Amino acid sequence: MNRLKALFFALCLAVPGAAHAEEAADARTIAAIEAVAYDYVDGQLEGDPERVARSLHPDLAKRAVRQAGEGADEVFPLRRMTRDELVALTRQGVLKTPREQWSRSVKVLDVYGDAAVARVETPWFVDYFHLGRYGDRWLIVNALWYPKSSR
């Protein structure tokens, strides 16, 4: 039995990320992911482009599912947005909302190693995030969103 433990330990050291896979996400990790998600949503609601920008990977892929006939010639249409476009919309105050009207939630759905999935909800939209950990920092890499109603 001790040989098996020693072999497992040696493999964890030899394979990058293997030790992470065995660890459950701790409260600090969950809090860090939630903080990034709140930077994203609260930054938009405040109209604070710097707060939104710091939550996003430079190569963010933000997409919304669209239906055929919604102005796109694609078979499976998507509305696409880059990090720069999202930051610019935030700067314009597109979602700026008085704080007393804020109703938003963040739920971390899964964490595995340096990858995580979270769900953000406001009265206007639901976002599903893929996040990556870069050193001590979590960033939103992908966001798939869907409007709840027209604003």
N, C-alpha and C. Protein backbone atom coordinates (compact mmCIF):
# COMPACT_ATOMS: atom_id res chain seq x y z
N MET A 1 0.81 -1.19 0.00
CA MET A 1 0.00 0.00 0.00
C MET A 1 0.86 1.26 0.00
N ASN A 2 1.96 1.25 0.76
CA ASN A 2 2.84 2.41 0.80
C ASN A 2 3.47 2.68 -0.56
N ARG A 3 3.74 1.61 -1.32
CA ARG A 3 4.29 1.79 -2.67
C ARG A 3 3.30 2.51 -3.57
N LEU A 4 2.01 2.15 -3.45
CA LEU A 4 0.99 2.81 -4.27
C LEU A 4 0.88 4.29 -3.93
N LYS A 5 0.94 4.61 -2.65
CA LYS A 5 0.89 6.01 -2.24
C LYS A 5 2.10 6.76 -2.77
N ALA A 6 3.27 6.16 -2.69
CA ALA A 6 4.49 6.80 -3.18
C ALA A 6 4.41 7.01 -4.69
N LEU A 7 3.90 6.01 -5.41
CA LEU A 7 3.76 6.12 -6.86
C LEU A 7 2.77 7.24 -7.22
N PHE A 8 1.63 7.30 -6.51
CA PHE A 8 0.66 8.35 -6.77
C PHE A 8 1.28 9.73 -6.52
N PHE A 9 1.98 9.88 -5.42
CA PHE A 9 2.61 11.15 -5.09
C PHE A 9 3.62 11.54 -6.17
N ALA A 10 4.42 10.58 -6.63
CA ALA A 10 5.42 10.86 -7.66
C ALA A 10 4.74 11.28 -8.96
N LEU A 11 3.64 10.63 -9.31
CA LEU A 11 2.91 11.01 -10.53
C LEU A 11 2.32 12.41 -10.41
N CYS A 12 1.81 12.76 -9.24
CA CYS A 12 1.26 14.11 -9.04
C CYS A 12 2.34 15.16 -9.25
N LEU A 13 3.55 14.88 -8.80
CA LEU A 13 4.64 15.84 -8.98
C LEU A 13 5.10 15.89 -10.43
N ALA A 14 5.01 14.77 -11.14
CA ALA A 14 5.51 14.69 -12.51
C ALA A 14 4.53 15.27 -13.52
N VAL A 15 3.23 15.22 -13.23
CA VAL A 15 2.22 15.67 -14.19
C VAL A 15 1.69 17.03 -13.75
N PRO A 16 1.97 18.10 -14.52
CA PRO A 16 1.48 19.43 -14.14
C PRO A 16 -0.03 19.44 -13.98
N GLY A 17 -0.49 20.03 -12.89
CA GLY A 17 -1.92 20.15 -12.67
C GLY A 17 -2.58 18.95 -12.05
N ALA A 18 -1.88 17.83 -11.94
CA ALA A 18 -2.51 16.63 -11.39
C ALA A 18 -2.90 16.82 -9.93
N ALA A 19 -2.10 17.51 -9.18
CA ALA A 19 -2.44 17.75 -7.78
C ALA A 19 -3.69 18.61 -7.67
N HIS A 20 -3.85 19.59 -8.58
CA HIS A 20 -5.05 20.43 -8.56
C HIS A 20 -6.31 19.61 -8.75
N ALA A 21 -6.23 18.60 -9.61
CA ALA A 21 -7.40 17.82 -9.95
C ALA A 21 -7.98 17.11 -8.73
N GLU A 22 -7.16 16.79 -7.76
CA GLU A 22 -7.62 16.07 -6.59
C GLU A 22 -8.15 16.99 -5.50
N GLU A 23 -7.93 18.29 -5.62
CA GLU A 23 -8.34 19.23 -4.59
C GLU A 23 -9.75 19.75 -4.87
N ALA A 24 -10.54 19.82 -3.84
CA ALA A 24 -11.84 20.47 -3.96
C ALA A 24 -11.61 21.98 -3.91
N ALA A 25 -12.46 22.72 -4.57
CA ALA A 25 -12.33 24.18 -4.55
C ALA A 25 -12.58 24.66 -3.13
N ASP A 26 -11.66 25.43 -2.60
CA ASP A 26 -11.83 25.95 -1.26
C ASP A 26 -12.62 27.26 -1.29
N ALA A 27 -12.96 27.73 -0.12
CA ALA A 27 -13.79 28.94 -0.01
C ALA A 27 -13.11 30.15 -0.63
N ARG A 28 -11.78 30.25 -0.52
CA ARG A 28 -11.06 31.39 -1.11
C ARG A 28 -11.15 31.35 -2.63
N THR A 29 -11.05 30.16 -3.20
CA THR A 29 -11.15 30.03 -4.66
C THR A 29 -12.54 30.43 -5.13
N ILE A 30 -13.57 29.93 -4.46
CA ILE A 30 -14.95 30.28 -4.82
C ILE A 30 -15.15 31.79 -4.70
N ALA A 31 -14.66 32.38 -3.61
CA ALA A 31 -14.81 33.83 -3.41
C ALA A 31 -14.08 34.62 -4.50
N ALA A 32 -12.91 34.14 -4.92
CA ALA A 32 -12.16 34.84 -5.98
C ALA A 32 -12.91 34.79 -7.31
N ILE A 33 -13.50 33.65 -7.61
CA ILE A 33 -14.28 33.51 -8.85
C ILE A 33 -15.52 34.40 -8.79
N GLU A 34 -16.21 34.38 -7.66
CA GLU A 34 -17.39 35.25 -7.49
C GLU A 34 -17.02 36.72 -7.64
N ALA A 35 -15.88 37.12 -7.08
CA ALA A 35 -15.45 38.52 -7.16
C ALA A 35 -15.24 38.95 -8.62
N VAL A 36 -14.65 38.07 -9.43
CA VAL A 36 -14.45 38.38 -10.85
C VAL A 36 -15.79 38.51 -11.56
N ALA A 37 -16.71 37.60 -11.26
CA ALA A 37 -18.03 37.66 -11.89
C ALA A 37 -18.78 38.94 -11.48
N TYR A 38 -18.64 39.33 -10.21
CA TYR A 38 -19.29 40.57 -9.77
C TYR A 38 -18.61 41.80 -10.37
N ASP A 39 -17.29 41.75 -10.60
CA ASP A 39 -16.64 42.85 -11.31
C ASP A 39 -17.27 43.02 -12.70
N TYR A 40 -17.51 41.91 -13.37
CA TYR A 40 -18.12 41.92 -14.70
C TYR A 40 -19.51 42.55 -14.66
N VAL A 41 -20.40 41.99 -13.83
CA VAL A 41 -21.79 42.44 -13.84
C VAL A 41 -21.95 43.79 -13.15
N ASP A 42 -21.33 43.99 -11.99
CA ASP A 42 -21.48 45.26 -11.29
C ASP A 42 -20.80 46.39 -12.06
N GLY A 43 -19.70 46.08 -12.73
CA GLY A 43 -19.04 47.09 -13.56
C GLY A 43 -19.95 47.57 -14.67
N GLN A 44 -20.71 46.66 -15.27
CA GLN A 44 -21.66 47.07 -16.31
C GLN A 44 -22.79 47.89 -15.71
N LEU A 45 -23.30 47.45 -14.56
CA LEU A 45 -24.41 48.16 -13.93
C LEU A 45 -24.00 49.54 -13.43
N GLU A 46 -22.72 49.69 -13.04
CA GLU A 46 -22.19 50.98 -12.60
C GLU A 46 -21.73 51.86 -13.77
N GLY A 47 -21.55 51.23 -14.93
CA GLY A 47 -20.97 51.95 -16.07
C GLY A 47 -19.48 52.18 -15.87
N ASP A 48 -18.78 51.21 -15.26
CA ASP A 48 -17.36 51.32 -14.94
C ASP A 48 -16.55 50.40 -15.86
N PRO A 49 -16.05 50.93 -16.99
CA PRO A 49 -15.36 50.08 -17.96
C PRO A 49 -14.08 49.45 -17.42
N GLU A 50 -13.37 50.13 -16.51
CA GLU A 50 -12.14 49.55 -15.96
C GLU A 50 -12.44 48.32 -15.12
N ARG A 51 -13.52 48.37 -14.37
CA ARG A 51 -13.91 47.23 -13.54
C ARG A 51 -14.27 46.03 -14.43
N VAL A 52 -14.99 46.28 -15.50
CA VAL A 52 -15.34 45.20 -16.43
C VAL A 52 -14.08 44.65 -17.08
N ALA A 53 -13.21 45.54 -17.55
CA ALA A 53 -11.99 45.12 -18.27
C ALA A 53 -11.11 44.22 -17.42
N ARG A 54 -10.99 44.50 -16.12
CA ARG A 54 -10.09 43.69 -15.29
C ARG A 54 -10.62 42.29 -15.06
N SER A 55 -11.89 42.04 -15.36
CA SER A 55 -12.46 40.71 -15.17
C SER A 55 -12.30 39.82 -16.42
N LEU A 56 -11.86 40.40 -17.53
CA LEU A 56 -11.91 39.71 -18.82
C LEU A 56 -10.53 39.31 -19.34
N HIS A 57 -10.47 38.12 -19.91
CA HIS A 57 -9.28 37.69 -20.64
C HIS A 57 -9.17 38.56 -21.89
N PRO A 58 -7.95 38.92 -22.31
CA PRO A 58 -7.80 39.76 -23.51
C PRO A 58 -8.45 39.15 -24.76
N ASP A 59 -8.55 37.83 -24.82
CA ASP A 59 -9.12 37.16 -25.98
C ASP A 59 -10.53 36.64 -25.68
N LEU A 60 -11.29 37.39 -24.86
CA LEU A 60 -12.64 37.00 -24.50
C LEU A 60 -13.47 36.66 -25.74
N ALA A 61 -14.27 35.61 -25.64
CA ALA A 61 -15.28 35.29 -26.65
C ALA A 61 -16.62 35.38 -25.95
N LYS A 62 -17.38 36.44 -26.23
CA LYS A 62 -18.71 36.62 -25.64
C LYS A 62 -19.71 36.40 -26.77
N ARG A 63 -20.67 35.52 -26.51
CA ARG A 63 -21.62 35.16 -27.55
C ARG A 63 -23.02 35.06 -26.98
N ALA A 64 -23.99 35.30 -27.83
CA ALA A 64 -25.40 35.10 -27.48
C ALA A 64 -26.02 34.22 -28.54
N VAL A 65 -26.83 33.28 -28.10
CA VAL A 65 -27.55 32.41 -29.03
C VAL A 65 -28.64 33.24 -29.70
N ARG A 66 -28.68 33.15 -31.01
CA ARG A 66 -29.74 33.82 -31.78
C ARG A 66 -30.48 32.75 -32.55
N GLN A 67 -31.65 33.08 -33.00
CA GLN A 67 -32.44 32.14 -33.77
C GLN A 67 -32.35 32.51 -35.26
N ALA A 68 -32.54 31.53 -36.11
CA ALA A 68 -32.53 31.77 -37.55
C ALA A 68 -33.52 32.89 -37.86
N GLY A 69 -33.11 33.78 -38.76
CA GLY A 69 -33.97 34.89 -39.14
C GLY A 69 -33.78 36.14 -38.30
N GLU A 70 -32.90 36.10 -37.30
CA GLU A 70 -32.64 37.28 -36.48
C GLU A 70 -31.50 38.10 -37.06
N GLY A 71 -31.58 38.38 -38.34
CA GLY A 71 -30.59 39.24 -38.98
C GLY A 71 -29.28 38.55 -39.32
N ALA A 72 -29.25 37.25 -39.25
CA ALA A 72 -28.02 36.53 -39.58
C ALA A 72 -28.32 35.46 -40.62
N ASP A 73 -27.35 35.22 -41.48
CA ASP A 73 -27.51 34.20 -42.51
C ASP A 73 -26.92 32.87 -42.09
N GLU A 74 -26.53 32.74 -40.84
CA GLU A 74 -25.91 31.52 -40.36
C GLU A 74 -26.96 30.46 -40.05
N VAL A 75 -26.57 29.20 -40.13
CA VAL A 75 -27.46 28.10 -39.77
C VAL A 75 -27.67 28.10 -38.26
N PHE A 76 -26.61 28.33 -37.50
CA PHE A 76 -26.68 28.42 -36.04
C PHE A 76 -26.14 29.79 -35.63
N PRO A 77 -26.97 30.82 -35.74
CA PRO A 77 -26.48 32.19 -35.55
C PRO A 77 -26.10 32.51 -34.10
N LEU A 78 -25.04 33.30 -33.99
CA LEU A 78 -24.56 33.80 -32.71
C LEU A 78 -24.33 35.30 -32.82
N ARG A 79 -24.60 36.01 -31.75
CA ARG A 79 -24.18 37.40 -31.65
C ARG A 79 -22.82 37.36 -30.97
N ARG A 80 -21.81 37.93 -31.60
CA ARG A 80 -20.44 37.86 -31.10
C ARG A 80 -19.99 39.21 -30.59
N MET A 81 -19.19 39.15 -29.51
CA MET A 81 -18.66 40.38 -28.94
C MET A 81 -17.26 40.11 -28.39
N THR A 82 -16.37 41.04 -28.60
CA THR A 82 -15.01 40.93 -28.07
C THR A 82 -14.92 41.68 -26.74
N ARG A 83 -13.79 41.52 -26.10
CA ARG A 83 -13.51 42.24 -24.85
C ARG A 83 -13.62 43.75 -25.08
N ASP A 84 -12.98 44.23 -26.15
CA ASP A 84 -12.97 45.66 -26.43
C ASP A 84 -14.38 46.20 -26.69
N GLU A 85 -15.20 45.42 -27.39
CA GLU A 85 -16.58 45.85 -27.65
C GLU A 85 -17.39 45.93 -26.37
N LEU A 86 -17.22 44.95 -25.48
CA LEU A 86 -17.95 44.95 -24.22
C LEU A 86 -17.52 46.13 -23.34
N VAL A 87 -16.23 46.39 -23.28
CA VAL A 87 -15.73 47.51 -22.50
C VAL A 87 -16.26 48.83 -23.07
N ALA A 88 -16.30 48.96 -24.41
CA ALA A 88 -16.82 50.18 -25.04
C ALA A 88 -18.31 50.36 -24.73
N LEU A 89 -19.09 49.29 -24.76
CA LEU A 89 -20.52 49.39 -24.42
C LEU A 89 -20.70 49.81 -22.96
N THR A 90 -19.83 49.29 -22.10
CA THR A 90 -19.89 49.68 -20.69
C THR A 90 -19.58 51.16 -20.55
N ARG A 91 -18.57 51.63 -21.28
CA ARG A 91 -18.20 53.05 -21.25
C ARG A 91 -19.38 53.92 -21.69
N GLN A 92 -20.17 53.44 -22.65
CA GLN A 92 -21.35 54.17 -23.12
C GLN A 92 -22.51 54.11 -22.12
N GLY A 93 -22.41 53.24 -21.12
CA GLY A 93 -23.46 53.13 -20.10
C GLY A 93 -24.69 52.38 -20.54
N VAL A 94 -24.53 51.43 -21.47
CA VAL A 94 -25.66 50.70 -22.03
C VAL A 94 -26.49 49.99 -20.95
N LEU A 95 -25.85 49.41 -19.95
CA LEU A 95 -26.57 48.70 -18.88
C LEU A 95 -26.57 49.45 -17.55
N LYS A 96 -26.10 50.70 -17.55
CA LYS A 96 -26.01 51.45 -16.30
C LYS A 96 -27.39 51.50 -15.63
N THR A 97 -27.41 51.13 -14.36
CA THR A 97 -28.66 50.97 -13.62
C THR A 97 -28.49 51.52 -12.21
N PRO A 98 -29.46 52.28 -11.70
CA PRO A 98 -29.37 52.74 -10.31
C PRO A 98 -29.24 51.56 -9.35
N ARG A 99 -28.37 51.69 -8.35
CA ARG A 99 -28.06 50.59 -7.43
C ARG A 99 -29.31 50.00 -6.77
N GLU A 100 -30.30 50.81 -6.47
CA GLU A 100 -31.50 50.29 -5.82
C GLU A 100 -32.30 49.34 -6.72
N GLN A 101 -31.98 49.32 -8.01
CA GLN A 101 -32.66 48.41 -8.94
C GLN A 101 -31.83 47.15 -9.23
N TRP A 102 -30.66 47.06 -8.61
CA TRP A 102 -29.81 45.90 -8.86
C TRP A 102 -30.43 44.66 -8.24
N SER A 103 -30.47 43.65 -9.01
CA SER A 103 -30.86 42.32 -8.55
C SER A 103 -30.01 41.36 -9.36
N ARG A 104 -28.97 40.84 -8.75
CA ARG A 104 -28.06 39.98 -9.50
C ARG A 104 -27.52 38.90 -8.58
N SER A 105 -27.14 37.79 -9.19
CA SER A 105 -26.58 36.69 -8.42
C SER A 105 -25.46 36.03 -9.22
N VAL A 106 -24.54 35.43 -8.47
CA VAL A 106 -23.44 34.67 -9.07
C VAL A 106 -23.40 33.32 -8.38
N LYS A 107 -23.32 32.28 -9.17
CA LYS A 107 -23.19 30.93 -8.62
C LYS A 107 -22.05 30.22 -9.33
N VAL A 108 -21.07 29.78 -8.57
CA VAL A 108 -19.97 29.00 -9.14
C VAL A 108 -20.48 27.56 -9.27
N LEU A 109 -20.51 27.07 -10.50
CA LEU A 109 -21.07 25.75 -10.78
C LEU A 109 -20.04 24.63 -10.67
N ASP A 110 -18.79 24.92 -11.05
CA ASP A 110 -17.78 23.87 -11.03
C ASP A 110 -16.40 24.49 -11.08
N VAL A 111 -15.46 23.87 -10.40
CA VAL A 111 -14.05 24.26 -10.45
C VAL A 111 -13.24 22.98 -10.58
N TYR A 112 -12.32 22.97 -11.52
CA TYR A 112 -11.43 21.82 -11.70
C TYR A 112 -10.07 22.36 -12.11
N GLY A 113 -9.11 22.24 -11.22
CA GLY A 113 -7.79 22.76 -11.52
C GLY A 113 -7.84 24.26 -11.75
N ASP A 114 -7.40 24.69 -12.92
CA ASP A 114 -7.36 26.11 -13.26
C ASP A 114 -8.52 26.53 -14.16
N ALA A 115 -9.60 25.76 -14.14
CA ALA A 115 -10.78 26.07 -14.95
C ALA A 115 -12.02 26.08 -14.05
N ALA A 116 -12.96 26.97 -14.38
CA ALA A 116 -14.19 27.06 -13.60
C ALA A 116 -15.34 27.47 -14.50
N VAL A 117 -16.56 27.19 -14.03
CA VAL A 117 -17.79 27.59 -14.70
C VAL A 117 -18.66 28.30 -13.68
N ALA A 118 -19.23 29.44 -14.09
CA ALA A 118 -20.11 30.19 -13.20
C ALA A 118 -21.33 30.68 -13.97
N ARG A 119 -22.41 30.93 -13.22
CA ARG A 119 -23.65 31.46 -13.78
C ARG A 119 -23.95 32.80 -13.12
N VAL A 120 -24.24 33.81 -13.94
CA VAL A 120 -24.58 35.15 -13.45
C VAL A 120 -25.98 35.47 -13.96
N GLU A 121 -26.81 36.00 -13.06
CA GLU A 121 -28.17 36.36 -13.46
C GLU A 121 -28.51 37.76 -12.98
N THR A 122 -29.15 38.51 -13.87
CA THR A 122 -29.73 39.82 -13.55
C THR A 122 -31.17 39.78 -14.05
N PRO A 123 -31.95 40.83 -13.82
CA PRO A 123 -33.31 40.84 -14.37
C PRO A 123 -33.33 40.82 -15.90
N TRP A 124 -32.19 41.17 -16.54
CA TRP A 124 -32.17 41.31 -17.99
C TRP A 124 -31.48 40.19 -18.74
N PHE A 125 -30.57 39.47 -18.10
CA PHE A 125 -29.84 38.43 -18.83
C PHE A 125 -29.30 37.36 -17.89
N VAL A 126 -28.93 36.23 -18.49
CA VAL A 126 -28.22 35.16 -17.80
C VAL A 126 -26.95 34.92 -18.60
N ASP A 127 -25.82 34.88 -17.89
CA ASP A 127 -24.52 34.60 -18.49
C ASP A 127 -23.97 33.32 -17.90
N TYR A 128 -23.34 32.51 -18.74
CA TYR A 128 -22.56 31.35 -18.29
C TYR A 128 -21.11 31.63 -18.64
N PHE A 129 -20.24 31.59 -17.65
CA PHE A 129 -18.83 31.92 -17.84
C PHE A 129 -17.96 30.68 -17.77
N HIS A 130 -16.97 30.64 -18.63
CA HIS A 130 -15.80 29.77 -18.46
C HIS A 130 -14.70 30.69 -17.97
N LEU A 131 -14.09 30.35 -16.88
CA LEU A 131 -13.02 31.16 -16.31
C LEU A 131 -11.74 30.35 -16.25
N GLY A 132 -10.62 31.04 -16.36
CA GLY A 132 -9.31 30.41 -16.23
C GLY A 132 -8.52 31.11 -15.14
N ARG A 133 -7.71 30.32 -14.43
CA ARG A 133 -6.84 30.90 -13.40
C ARG A 133 -5.45 31.09 -13.99
N TYR A 134 -4.95 32.30 -13.85
CA TYR A 134 -3.62 32.68 -14.34
C TYR A 134 -2.83 33.17 -13.14
N GLY A 135 -2.01 32.29 -12.56
CA GLY A 135 -1.33 32.61 -11.31
C GLY A 135 -2.37 32.69 -10.22
N ASP A 136 -2.48 33.84 -9.57
CA ASP A 136 -3.48 34.04 -8.51
C ASP A 136 -4.74 34.73 -9.03
N ARG A 137 -4.84 34.92 -10.32
CA ARG A 137 -5.92 35.73 -10.89
C ARG A 137 -6.85 34.89 -11.76
N TRP A 138 -8.15 35.03 -11.55
CA TRP A 138 -9.16 34.39 -12.40
C TRP A 138 -9.63 35.41 -13.43
N LEU A 139 -9.85 34.95 -14.67
CA LEU A 139 -10.36 35.81 -15.74
C LEU A 139 -11.47 35.08 -16.49
N ILE A 140 -12.43 35.84 -16.98
CA ILE A 140 -13.50 35.28 -17.80
C ILE A 140 -12.95 35.11 -19.21
N VAL A 141 -12.94 33.87 -19.68
CA VAL A 141 -12.39 33.55 -21.01
C VAL A 141 -13.51 33.49 -22.04
N ASN A 142 -14.62 32.86 -21.68
CA ASN A 142 -15.78 32.72 -22.56
C ASN A 142 -17.03 33.12 -21.79
N ALA A 143 -17.97 33.76 -22.48
CA ALA A 143 -19.26 34.08 -21.87
C ALA A 143 -20.35 33.78 -22.90
N LEU A 144 -21.28 32.93 -22.52
CA LEU A 144 -22.46 32.65 -23.34
C LEU A 144 -23.64 33.23 -22.59
N TRP A 145 -24.37 34.13 -23.24
CA TRP A 145 -25.46 34.81 -22.54
C TRP A 145 -26.76 34.74 -23.32
N TYR A 146 -27.83 35.01 -22.59
CA TYR A 146 -29.15 35.01 -23.21
C TYR A 146 -30.00 36.07 -22.52
N PRO A 147 -30.68 36.91 -23.29
CA PRO A 147 -31.53 37.94 -22.68
C PRO A 147 -32.78 37.32 -22.05
N LYS A 148 -33.19 37.86 -20.90
CA LYS A 148 -34.41 37.40 -20.25
C LYS A 148 -35.63 38.15 -20.78
N SER A 149 -35.44 39.42 -21.09
CA SER A 149 -36.51 40.24 -21.66
C SER A 149 -35.85 41.46 -22.29
N SER A 150 -36.61 42.17 -23.08
CA SER A 150 -36.03 43.37 -23.67
C SER A 150 -35.97 44.45 -22.62
N ARG A 151 -34.94 45.25 -22.69
CA ARG A 151 -34.71 46.29 -21.70
C ARG A 151 -35.22 47.60 -22.21
